Amino acid sequence: MKVRNSIRSMKNKPGAQVVRRRGRLYVINKKEPRFKTRQG
């Protein structure tokens, strides 16, 4: 899967985790809950 630039910049933030759920790519952040992205 090609990763979008917005996701690449999100996963560099402190506390960010890249998670694959049901074929989708999510970035979730426990430290800053408003930083969330989804691809696919």
Protein backbone atom coordinates (compact mmCIF):
# COMPACT_ATOMS: atom_id res chain seq x y z
CA MET A 1 0.00 0.00 0.00
CA LYS A 2 1.31 3.42 -0.95
CA VAL A 3 1.49 5.62 2.15
CA ARG A 4 0.20 9.15 1.83
CA ASN A 5 2.41 12.11 2.82
CA SER A 6 -0.04 13.22 5.51
CA ILE A 7 0.37 9.85 7.23
CA ARG A 8 4.13 9.99 6.96
CA SER A 9 4.23 13.32 8.75
CA MET A 10 1.78 12.08 11.41
CA LYS A 11 3.77 9.01 12.35
CA ASN A 12 6.80 11.16 13.18
CA LYS A 13 4.95 12.91 15.99
CA PRO A 14 5.74 11.72 19.54
CA GLY A 15 3.39 9.00 20.77
CA ALA A 16 2.09 8.05 17.32
CA GLN A 17 1.36 4.44 16.36
CA VAL A 18 0.64 3.06 12.91
CA VAL A 19 -2.12 0.42 13.08
CA ARG A 20 -3.66 -1.73 10.34
CA ARG A 21 -7.29 -2.60 10.99
CA ARG A 22 -9.59 -4.28 8.46
CA GLY A 23 -7.28 -3.41 5.58
CA ARG A 24 -7.12 0.26 6.50
CA LEU A 25 -4.11 2.15 7.76
CA TYR A 26 -4.64 4.30 10.85
CA VAL A 27 -2.32 6.57 12.81
CA ILE A 28 -3.46 6.99 16.38
CA ASN A 29 -1.81 9.07 19.05
CA LYS A 30 -2.37 8.46 22.76
CA LYS A 31 -0.53 11.62 23.84
CA GLU A 32 -2.41 13.93 21.43
CA PRO A 33 -5.78 12.29 20.68
CA ARG A 34 -6.70 14.87 18.02
CA PHE A 35 -3.87 13.67 15.77
CA LYS A 36 -5.61 10.84 13.93
CA THR A 37 -5.49 9.86 10.28
CA ARG A 38 -6.87 7.09 8.13
CA GLN A 39 -5.97 5.79 4.71
CA GLY A 40 -7.88 3.34 2.59
